[in-house]
Protein backbone atom coordinates (compact mmCIF):
# COMPACT_ATOMS: atom_id res chain seq x y z
CA UNK A 1 160.62 115.03 165.63
CA UNK A 2 157.09 114.45 164.30
CA UNK A 3 154.69 112.70 166.64
CA UNK A 4 153.61 109.34 165.22
CA UNK A 5 152.58 107.50 168.38
CA UNK A 6 150.97 109.93 170.80
CA UNK A 7 147.75 111.77 170.02
CA UNK A 8 145.58 114.00 172.19
CA UNK A 9 145.05 111.21 174.73
CA UNK A 10 148.01 108.88 174.68
CA UNK A 11 148.60 106.17 172.08
CA UNK A 12 145.54 104.79 170.34
CA UNK A 13 144.71 102.61 167.36
CA UNK A 14 143.22 99.39 166.09
CA UNK A 15 144.35 96.39 168.10
CA UNK A 16 147.09 94.30 166.51
CA UNK A 17 147.85 97.09 164.04
CA UNK A 18 150.45 99.80 164.43
CA UNK A 19 150.79 101.34 166.94
CA UNK A 20 148.67 99.02 169.09
CA UNK A 21 150.77 95.89 168.68
CA UNK A 22 152.39 93.81 171.40
CA UNK A 23 155.83 94.81 170.12
CA UNK A 24 155.17 98.55 170.32
CA UNK A 25 153.49 98.16 173.72
CA UNK A 26 156.57 96.37 175.04
CA UNK A 27 158.82 99.11 173.66
CA UNK A 28 156.62 101.77 175.26
CA UNK A 29 157.02 99.97 178.56
CA UNK A 30 160.78 99.87 178.13
CA UNK A 31 160.97 103.53 177.11
CA UNK A 32 158.65 104.82 179.84
CA UNK A 33 160.41 102.64 182.38
CA UNK A 34 163.77 104.13 181.50
CA UNK A 35 162.35 107.67 181.47
CA UNK A 36 160.98 107.32 185.01
CA UNK A 37 163.82 105.30 186.55
CA UNK A 38 165.28 108.08 188.65
CA UNK A 39 167.23 107.49 191.81
CA UNK A 40 168.42 104.32 193.52
CA UNK A 41 165.09 103.20 195.01
CA UNK A 42 163.17 100.18 193.77
CA UNK A 43 160.99 101.56 190.98
CA UNK A 44 157.37 100.58 190.40
CA UNK A 45 154.58 101.10 187.89
CA UNK A 46 150.84 100.57 188.30
CA UNK A 47 148.96 99.22 185.28
CA UNK A 48 145.19 99.32 184.88
CA UNK A 49 142.94 98.45 181.97
CA UNK A 50 139.36 98.41 180.78
CA UNK A 51 137.55 95.29 179.61
CA UNK A 52 138.65 94.96 175.97
CA UNK A 53 139.80 91.56 174.76
CA UNK A 54 143.07 93.07 173.55
CA UNK A 55 143.78 94.40 177.03
CA UNK A 56 145.27 91.04 178.04
CA UNK A 57 147.81 91.22 175.20
CA UNK A 58 148.75 94.86 175.77
CA UNK A 59 148.96 94.37 179.55
CA UNK A 60 151.39 91.48 179.23
CA UNK A 61 153.52 93.25 176.62
CA UNK A 62 153.77 96.44 178.70
CA UNK A 63 154.60 94.37 181.76
CA UNK A 64 157.44 92.64 179.93
CA UNK A 65 158.82 96.00 178.84
CA UNK A 66 158.75 97.48 182.33
CA UNK A 67 160.22 94.37 183.95
CA UNK A 68 163.06 94.31 181.43
CA UNK A 69 164.30 97.72 182.59
CA UNK A 70 164.06 96.83 186.26
CA UNK A 71 160.63 98.21 187.21
CA UNK A 72 158.27 96.29 189.47
CA UNK A 73 154.72 96.11 188.11
CA UNK A 74 151.49 96.31 190.14
CA UNK A 75 148.58 95.02 188.04
CA UNK A 76 145.25 96.62 188.94
CA UNK A 77 142.93 94.76 186.57
CA UNK A 78 139.84 96.52 185.19
CA UNK A 79 139.54 99.96 186.80
CA UNK A 80 138.63 103.46 185.59
CA UNK A 81 141.32 105.72 184.18
CA UNK A 82 141.07 108.13 187.15
CA UNK A 83 141.72 105.22 189.50
CA UNK A 84 145.09 104.73 187.82
CA UNK A 85 145.95 108.39 188.37
CA UNK A 86 144.89 108.10 192.01
CA UNK A 87 146.74 104.84 192.68
CA UNK A 88 149.90 106.02 190.92
CA UNK A 89 150.19 108.76 193.50
CA UNK A 90 148.77 106.76 196.42
CA UNK A 91 151.15 103.84 195.85
CA UNK A 92 154.08 106.21 195.33
CA UNK A 93 154.66 104.67 191.92
CA UNK A 94 157.08 106.20 189.44
CA UNK A 95 154.68 105.88 186.53
CA UNK A 96 151.10 104.76 185.88
CA UNK A 97 149.55 103.20 182.79
CA UNK A 98 145.94 102.84 181.69
CA UNK A 99 145.18 100.48 178.81
CA UNK A 100 142.03 101.80 177.18
CA UNK A 101 140.61 103.42 174.07
CA UNK A 102 138.01 105.23 176.17
CA UNK A 103 134.73 105.53 174.22
CA UNK A 104 136.01 103.81 171.06
CA UNK A 105 134.70 100.37 170.00
CA UNK A 106 136.34 97.19 171.30
CA UNK A 107 138.48 96.75 168.16
CA UNK A 108 140.57 99.75 169.26
CA UNK A 109 142.80 100.09 172.27
CA UNK A 110 145.14 102.67 173.74
CA UNK A 111 147.84 103.43 176.28
CA UNK A 112 147.66 106.43 178.61
CA UNK A 113 150.63 107.31 180.80
CA UNK A 114 150.72 109.10 184.15
CA UNK A 115 153.66 110.65 185.96
CA UNK A 116 154.43 110.04 189.64
CA UNK A 117 152.16 112.97 190.57
CA UNK A 118 149.19 111.13 189.05
CA UNK A 119 148.78 113.58 186.17
CA UNK A 120 148.98 112.70 182.47
CA UNK A 121 152.31 113.38 180.83
CA UNK A 122 153.14 116.58 179.00
CA UNK A 123 153.73 116.69 175.24
CA UNK A 124 157.45 117.15 175.88
CA UNK A 125 157.77 114.00 177.99
CA UNK A 126 155.70 112.00 175.51
CA UNK A 127 158.05 113.11 172.76
CA UNK A 128 161.03 111.81 174.75
CA UNK A 129 159.33 108.46 175.24
CA UNK A 130 158.46 108.33 171.55
CA UNK A 131 162.10 108.95 170.65
CA UNK A 132 163.16 106.00 172.82
CA UNK A 133 160.48 103.77 171.28
CA UNK A 134 161.96 104.58 167.87
CA UNK A 135 165.49 103.75 169.10
CA UNK A 136 165.16 100.66 171.34
CA UNK A 137 168.93 100.13 171.35
CA UNK A 138 169.19 103.29 173.46
CA UNK A 139 167.22 101.64 176.27
CA UNK A 140 169.41 100.17 179.01
CA UNK A 141 168.19 96.71 179.99
CA UNK A 142 168.46 95.61 183.61
CA UNK A 143 171.03 93.11 184.80
CA UNK A 144 169.58 89.63 185.46
CA UNK A 145 169.51 90.24 189.21
CA UNK A 146 167.68 93.57 188.74
CA UNK A 147 164.82 92.43 186.48
CA UNK A 148 161.49 93.59 187.91
CA UNK A 149 158.74 91.56 189.55
CA UNK A 150 154.99 91.65 188.78
CA UNK A 151 152.02 91.04 191.07
CA UNK A 152 148.33 91.84 191.38
CA UNK A 153 147.12 94.57 193.72
CA UNK A 154 144.15 92.70 195.14
CA UNK A 155 142.42 95.60 196.92
CA UNK A 156 142.68 98.16 194.10
CA UNK A 157 138.87 98.30 193.67
CA UNK A 158 138.26 99.01 197.35
CA UNK A 159 140.91 101.72 197.53
CA UNK A 160 139.33 103.58 194.62
CA UNK A 161 135.77 103.16 195.91
CA UNK A 162 136.76 104.81 199.18
CA UNK A 163 138.51 107.66 197.35
CA UNK A 164 135.40 108.35 195.26
CA UNK A 165 133.15 108.37 198.32
CA UNK A 166 135.56 110.70 200.13
CA UNK A 167 135.28 113.19 197.25
CA UNK A 168 131.57 113.70 197.84
CA UNK A 169 130.01 116.27 200.10
CA UNK A 170 130.35 115.20 203.72
CA UNK A 171 127.40 113.12 204.73
CA UNK A 172 126.08 112.65 201.19
CA UNK A 173 123.12 110.32 201.62
CA UNK A 174 121.46 108.88 198.54
CA UNK A 175 118.80 107.02 200.52
CA UNK A 176 115.46 107.12 198.76
CA UNK A 177 116.98 107.81 195.35
CA UNK A 178 116.53 105.40 192.48
CA UNK A 179 119.46 105.59 190.07
CA UNK A 180 120.08 103.75 186.81
CA UNK A 181 123.80 103.50 186.05
CA UNK A 182 125.12 102.46 182.64
CA UNK A 183 128.71 101.23 182.97
CA UNK A 184 129.28 100.71 179.22
CA UNK A 185 130.42 97.14 179.90
CA UNK A 186 133.67 98.86 180.75
CA UNK A 187 136.16 99.58 183.48
CA UNK A 188 133.63 100.77 186.09
CA UNK A 189 131.27 97.80 185.85
CA UNK A 190 132.03 96.83 189.46
CA UNK A 191 132.97 100.05 191.21
CA UNK A 192 130.22 102.37 189.96
CA UNK A 193 127.24 100.38 191.28
CA UNK A 194 129.19 99.71 194.49
CA UNK A 195 129.80 103.40 195.21
CA UNK A 196 126.16 104.36 194.65
CA UNK A 197 124.84 101.43 196.70
CA UNK A 198 127.20 102.11 199.60
CA UNK A 199 125.94 105.71 199.68
CA UNK A 200 122.38 104.45 200.09
CA UNK A 201 120.87 104.56 196.61
CA UNK A 202 118.60 101.99 195.04
CA UNK A 203 120.80 101.06 192.08
CA UNK A 204 119.66 99.65 188.77
CA UNK A 205 122.85 98.71 186.89
CA UNK A 206 122.95 98.11 183.15
CA UNK A 207 125.81 97.21 180.80
CA UNK A 208 127.71 95.51 183.63
CA UNK A 209 128.47 92.18 181.91
CA UNK A 210 131.67 92.73 179.90
CA UNK A 211 132.74 89.92 177.58
CA UNK A 212 135.73 91.54 175.92
CA UNK A 213 133.89 92.73 172.81
CA UNK A 214 130.77 94.54 174.10
CA UNK A 215 132.46 97.59 175.67
CA UNK A 216 130.70 100.77 174.46
CA UNK A 217 128.48 98.60 172.28
CA UNK A 218 125.12 100.40 172.14
CA UNK A 219 125.68 101.53 175.71
CA UNK A 220 127.59 104.07 177.77
CA UNK A 221 127.90 107.83 177.47
CA UNK A 222 128.19 107.80 173.68
CA UNK A 223 125.10 105.57 173.20
CA UNK A 224 122.68 106.64 175.95
CA UNK A 225 119.39 105.60 174.31
CA UNK A 226 119.05 102.40 176.36
CA UNK A 227 119.75 104.31 179.58
CA UNK A 228 117.11 106.88 178.66
CA UNK A 229 114.57 104.10 178.22
CA UNK A 230 115.47 102.45 181.54
CA UNK A 231 115.25 105.69 183.50
CA UNK A 232 111.68 106.25 182.34
CA UNK A 233 110.75 102.56 182.59
CA UNK A 234 111.93 102.27 186.21
CA UNK A 235 110.70 105.70 187.30
CA UNK A 236 114.25 106.60 188.33
CA UNK A 237 115.28 109.97 189.72
CA UNK A 238 118.31 110.12 187.44
CA UNK A 239 120.46 108.08 185.08
CA UNK A 240 124.25 108.02 184.94
CA UNK A 241 126.15 106.91 181.85
CA UNK A 242 129.90 106.35 181.92
CA UNK A 243 132.16 105.55 178.99
CA UNK A 244 134.49 102.57 178.61
CA UNK A 245 137.17 103.85 180.98
CA UNK A 246 134.79 105.93 183.15
CA UNK A 247 136.62 109.23 182.82
CA UNK A 248 133.53 110.86 181.34
CA UNK A 249 129.87 110.98 182.30
CA UNK A 250 126.55 112.16 180.94
CA UNK A 251 123.31 112.24 182.90
CA UNK A 252 119.69 111.51 182.05
CA UNK A 253 116.87 113.31 183.86
CA UNK A 254 113.75 111.62 185.18
CA UNK A 255 111.96 112.40 181.90
CA UNK A 256 114.62 110.64 179.83
CA UNK A 257 116.35 113.73 178.44
CA UNK A 258 120.12 113.98 178.19
CA UNK A 259 122.22 116.27 180.38
CA UNK A 260 125.65 116.88 178.84
CA UNK A 261 128.95 118.01 180.30
CA UNK A 262 128.25 121.69 179.69
CA UNK A 263 125.09 121.63 181.81
CA UNK A 264 126.89 119.64 184.48
CA UNK A 265 129.80 122.10 184.58
CA UNK A 266 127.38 125.02 184.80
CA UNK A 267 125.54 123.45 187.72
CA UNK A 268 128.70 122.58 189.64
CA UNK A 269 130.28 125.99 188.94
CA UNK A 270 127.21 127.81 190.25
CA UNK A 271 127.06 125.62 193.37
CA UNK A 272 130.77 125.96 194.11
CA UNK A 273 130.73 129.69 193.45
CA UNK A 274 127.91 130.24 195.95
CA UNK A 275 129.79 128.10 198.49
CA UNK A 276 133.07 129.93 197.92
CA UNK A 277 134.73 126.77 196.59
CA UNK A 278 135.29 127.81 192.95
CA UNK A 279 138.98 128.60 192.52
CA UNK A 280 139.99 131.19 189.94
CA UNK A 281 136.46 132.65 189.81
CA UNK A 282 135.74 130.63 186.69
CA UNK A 283 136.21 127.36 184.87
CA UNK A 284 138.06 125.92 181.89
CA UNK A 285 136.35 124.30 178.90
CA UNK A 286 137.27 123.52 175.30
CA UNK A 287 136.37 125.21 172.06
CA UNK A 288 133.57 122.66 171.69
CA UNK A 289 131.58 123.83 174.73
CA UNK A 290 128.33 125.58 173.91
CA UNK A 291 128.17 129.36 173.65
CA UNK A 292 125.28 129.18 176.07
CA UNK A 293 127.66 128.00 178.81
CA UNK A 294 129.93 130.96 178.18
CA UNK A 295 127.01 133.37 178.42
CA UNK A 296 125.70 131.66 181.57
CA UNK A 297 128.92 131.95 183.55
CA UNK A 298 129.50 135.48 182.28
CA UNK A 299 126.13 136.58 183.61
CA UNK A 300 127.25 135.38 187.04
CA UNK A 301 130.50 137.29 186.98
CA UNK A 302 132.53 134.17 186.27
CA UNK A 303 135.00 133.55 183.47
CA UNK A 304 135.14 130.75 180.92
CA UNK A 305 138.61 129.98 179.60
CA UNK A 306 138.72 127.89 176.41
CA UNK A 307 141.39 125.44 175.27
CA UNK A 308 141.89 123.12 172.33
CA UNK A 309 140.00 119.82 172.45
CA UNK A 310 141.37 117.25 174.87
CA UNK A 311 140.98 116.91 178.61
CA UNK A 312 144.76 117.04 179.03
CA UNK A 313 144.79 120.58 177.64
CA UNK A 314 141.94 121.56 179.92
CA UNK A 315 143.91 120.23 182.86
CA UNK A 316 147.11 122.03 181.84
CA UNK A 317 145.23 125.34 181.68
CA UNK A 318 143.54 124.66 185.02
CA UNK A 319 146.86 124.03 186.72
CA UNK A 320 148.48 127.05 185.10
CA UNK A 321 145.61 129.39 186.01
CA UNK A 322 144.71 128.06 189.44
CA UNK A 323 141.26 126.74 188.47
CA UNK A 324 139.73 123.70 190.18
CA UNK A 325 136.88 122.99 187.75
CA UNK A 326 137.00 122.29 184.04
CA UNK A 327 135.90 119.83 181.43
CA UNK A 328 134.40 119.04 178.09
CA UNK A 329 130.91 118.97 176.65
CA UNK A 330 131.38 115.24 176.10
CA UNK A 331 131.41 114.69 179.85
CA UNK A 332 135.04 114.84 180.93
CA UNK A 333 134.69 116.76 184.20
CA UNK A 334 137.96 117.56 185.97
CA UNK A 335 137.93 118.58 189.62
CA UNK A 336 141.52 118.98 190.77
CA UNK A 337 140.53 119.19 194.44
CA UNK A 338 139.62 115.51 194.13
CA UNK A 339 141.28 113.90 191.09
CA UNK A 340 144.16 114.28 188.67
CA UNK A 341 142.08 113.63 185.57
CA UNK A 342 138.45 113.49 184.48
CA UNK A 343 136.44 111.23 186.78
CA UNK A 344 132.94 110.27 185.75
CA UNK A 345 131.99 108.79 189.11
CA UNK A 346 133.24 111.74 191.16
CA UNK A 347 131.46 114.16 188.83
CA UNK A 348 128.26 112.13 189.18
CA UNK A 349 128.44 112.42 192.97
CA UNK A 350 128.84 116.19 192.71
CA UNK A 351 125.79 116.22 190.46
CA UNK A 352 123.80 114.14 192.93
CA UNK A 353 124.77 116.48 195.76
CA UNK A 354 123.51 119.43 193.70
CA UNK A 355 120.30 117.54 192.90
CA UNK A 356 119.57 116.82 196.57
CA UNK A 357 120.39 120.39 197.59
CA UNK A 358 118.12 121.90 194.95
CA UNK A 359 115.09 119.93 196.08
CA UNK A 360 113.98 119.91 192.44
CA UNK A 361 113.83 117.12 189.86
CA UNK A 362 116.85 116.54 187.65
CA UNK A 363 115.04 118.01 184.65
CA UNK A 364 115.08 121.40 186.41
CA UNK A 365 118.32 121.16 188.41
CA UNK A 366 120.50 120.50 185.38
CA UNK A 367 118.93 122.93 182.92
CA UNK A 368 121.13 125.84 183.94
CA UNK A 369 121.01 127.50 180.52
CA UNK A 370 119.36 127.17 177.12
CA UNK A 371 121.98 125.85 174.70
CA UNK A 372 122.66 127.85 171.59
CA UNK A 373 121.81 125.75 168.49
CA UNK A 374 124.92 123.71 167.74
CA UNK A 375 125.64 121.18 165.04
CA UNK A 376 128.59 118.80 164.77
CA UNK A 377 129.21 116.54 161.78
CA UNK A 378 132.12 114.19 161.16
CA UNK A 379 133.70 113.34 157.82
CA UNK A 380 135.95 110.29 157.53
CA UNK A 381 139.04 111.09 155.46
CA UNK A 382 142.29 109.53 154.41
CA UNK A 383 144.50 112.61 154.76
CA UNK A 384 143.01 115.09 157.21
CA UNK A 385 145.77 117.67 156.77
CA UNK A 386 145.36 117.73 152.99
CA UNK A 387 141.60 118.08 153.31
CA UNK A 388 141.85 120.92 155.84
CA UNK A 389 144.36 122.81 153.69
CA UNK A 390 142.28 122.60 150.51
CA UNK A 391 141.42 126.01 149.10
CA UNK A 392 137.75 125.04 148.82
CA UNK A 393 137.58 124.25 152.55
CA UNK A 394 139.36 127.46 153.55
CA UNK A 395 136.96 129.48 151.40
CA UNK A 396 133.92 127.73 152.88
CA UNK A 397 135.15 128.38 156.42
CA UNK A 398 135.74 132.07 155.67
CA UNK A 399 132.24 132.38 154.21
CA UNK A 400 130.74 130.64 157.24
CA UNK A 401 132.51 132.96 159.66
CA UNK A 402 131.20 135.97 157.74
CA UNK A 403 127.62 134.63 157.73
CA UNK A 404 127.62 133.81 161.46
CA UNK A 405 129.24 137.09 162.50
CA UNK A 406 129.43 137.75 166.22
CA UNK A 407 126.36 135.68 167.02
CA UNK A 408 128.02 132.34 166.42
CA UNK A 409 131.18 130.27 166.01
CA UNK A 410 132.62 127.86 163.48
CA UNK A 411 135.21 125.20 164.29
CA UNK A 412 136.79 122.78 161.82
CA UNK A 413 139.45 120.41 163.10
CA UNK A 414 140.82 116.93 162.71
CA UNK A 415 140.14 114.36 165.38
CA UNK A 416 143.04 113.47 167.64
CA UNK A 417 141.88 109.86 168.04
CA UNK A 418 140.17 108.86 164.78
CA UNK A 419 140.67 109.56 161.01
CA UNK A 420 137.93 112.19 160.99
CA UNK A 421 137.43 115.87 160.29
CA UNK A 422 134.97 117.43 162.71
CA UNK A 423 132.88 120.37 161.55
CA UNK A 424 131.04 122.30 164.26
CA UNK A 425 129.03 125.49 164.12
CA UNK A 426 126.76 127.23 166.58
CA UNK A 427 124.70 130.38 166.59
CA UNK A 428 121.32 131.83 167.44
CA UNK A 429 119.94 130.99 163.97
CA UNK A 430 119.55 127.20 163.76
CA UNK A 431 118.86 127.13 160.02
CA UNK A 432 121.98 129.18 159.32
CA UNK A 433 124.06 126.86 161.48
CA UNK A 434 122.91 123.86 159.46
CA UNK A 435 123.59 125.62 156.16
CA UNK A 436 127.16 126.63 156.97
CA UNK A 437 128.06 123.17 158.27
CA UNK A 438 126.67 121.49 155.14
CA UNK A 439 128.53 123.93 152.88
CA UNK A 440 131.83 123.11 154.58
CA UNK A 441 131.15 119.37 154.41
CA UNK A 442 130.48 119.69 150.68
CA UNK A 443 133.73 121.63 150.21
CA UNK A 444 135.92 118.83 151.58
CA UNK A 445 137.67 117.27 148.54
CA UNK A 446 136.28 113.84 147.78
CA UNK A 447 139.76 112.52 146.98
CA UNK A 448 140.71 113.13 150.65
CA UNK A 449 137.91 110.90 151.87
């Protein structure tokens, strides 16, 4: 069966268009509810969301689907994706759901599913759910007396705040630190400033007034320019930018410069390695992470294992290989000692602990290595597979690989969440990197765009 619903991070699309319609959401609830109804106990699901306007519609539709197959629903309201993973396991739920399109604009939305262990579902389980969505008559509806009940979990915020604080180094004290936190008008708009304030920091929150349509709008980890300005303006020690569902984070140093996920992983890996806390003697990253990170960890006798793009694939490799640190350049940082998925807030606390321990400013603490020149360009297409298989594109990629040789890398792939082809190259020669990327972009057939 060909996947038509699930991508690299759950189901995602434009709201009120397939697959993000109320009907499909209800059928996903029915299918997932049946999949995870195992045993004779009273089954339950926890459902969280970010702050998108369409979240109300999707939340109600999912709830109806779960209730119809006899599952009780605990509604969490706006909370980060990692909070759903945590509460799924903490509340002994059979399944967890996060309604979010992460860093995408408000017009999009998505559905992410978690198993009872708090981890995202495997491809195989998603395929089974997709098959049931396509065949709703195969779903067994509950008898009238067994229809589920729904209620709000009023203290969900507080439970997650305490879990985040517990993940930090014992006795972490942020007193005397001035921190600007950009919550992307998203799921962490309440909990992120609360965590930092309760740990003693002077907090300057921005993008904490969601209105349903301003999530990720010129703010958050994918649009950090405003945060950079505020860090310098307020003389802050550091800036923290989360995305719409707060499962990723990027930092800004006191000078206003960006600190990406690669630098953050390098800093945490070095700290944990020196403390004897780095499991597997290495970390897991994707093919998008900078070559400089790979060289940095190699020089320290550590390994860097690469996976395809997607934090779920990073996590699968971590669990299979016994690693406790992994992530993506974009800021998904996964620390399995503390969370079941990427957690921007928890990663930020690890960064702050490293900053305090170093006794240096953020501009020095988080410059673990000099990045190799890297260039990423996106091309919007109609048929990504056709474009990638074009002879002109294959020839351009082969020529680029020959030109870069062993001193660089080329990666051309389709996005798992948007109708884009992503072209990335890196190498020691910046001009060459730009040339090979532009040649590949030019080779993409215009009829595919």
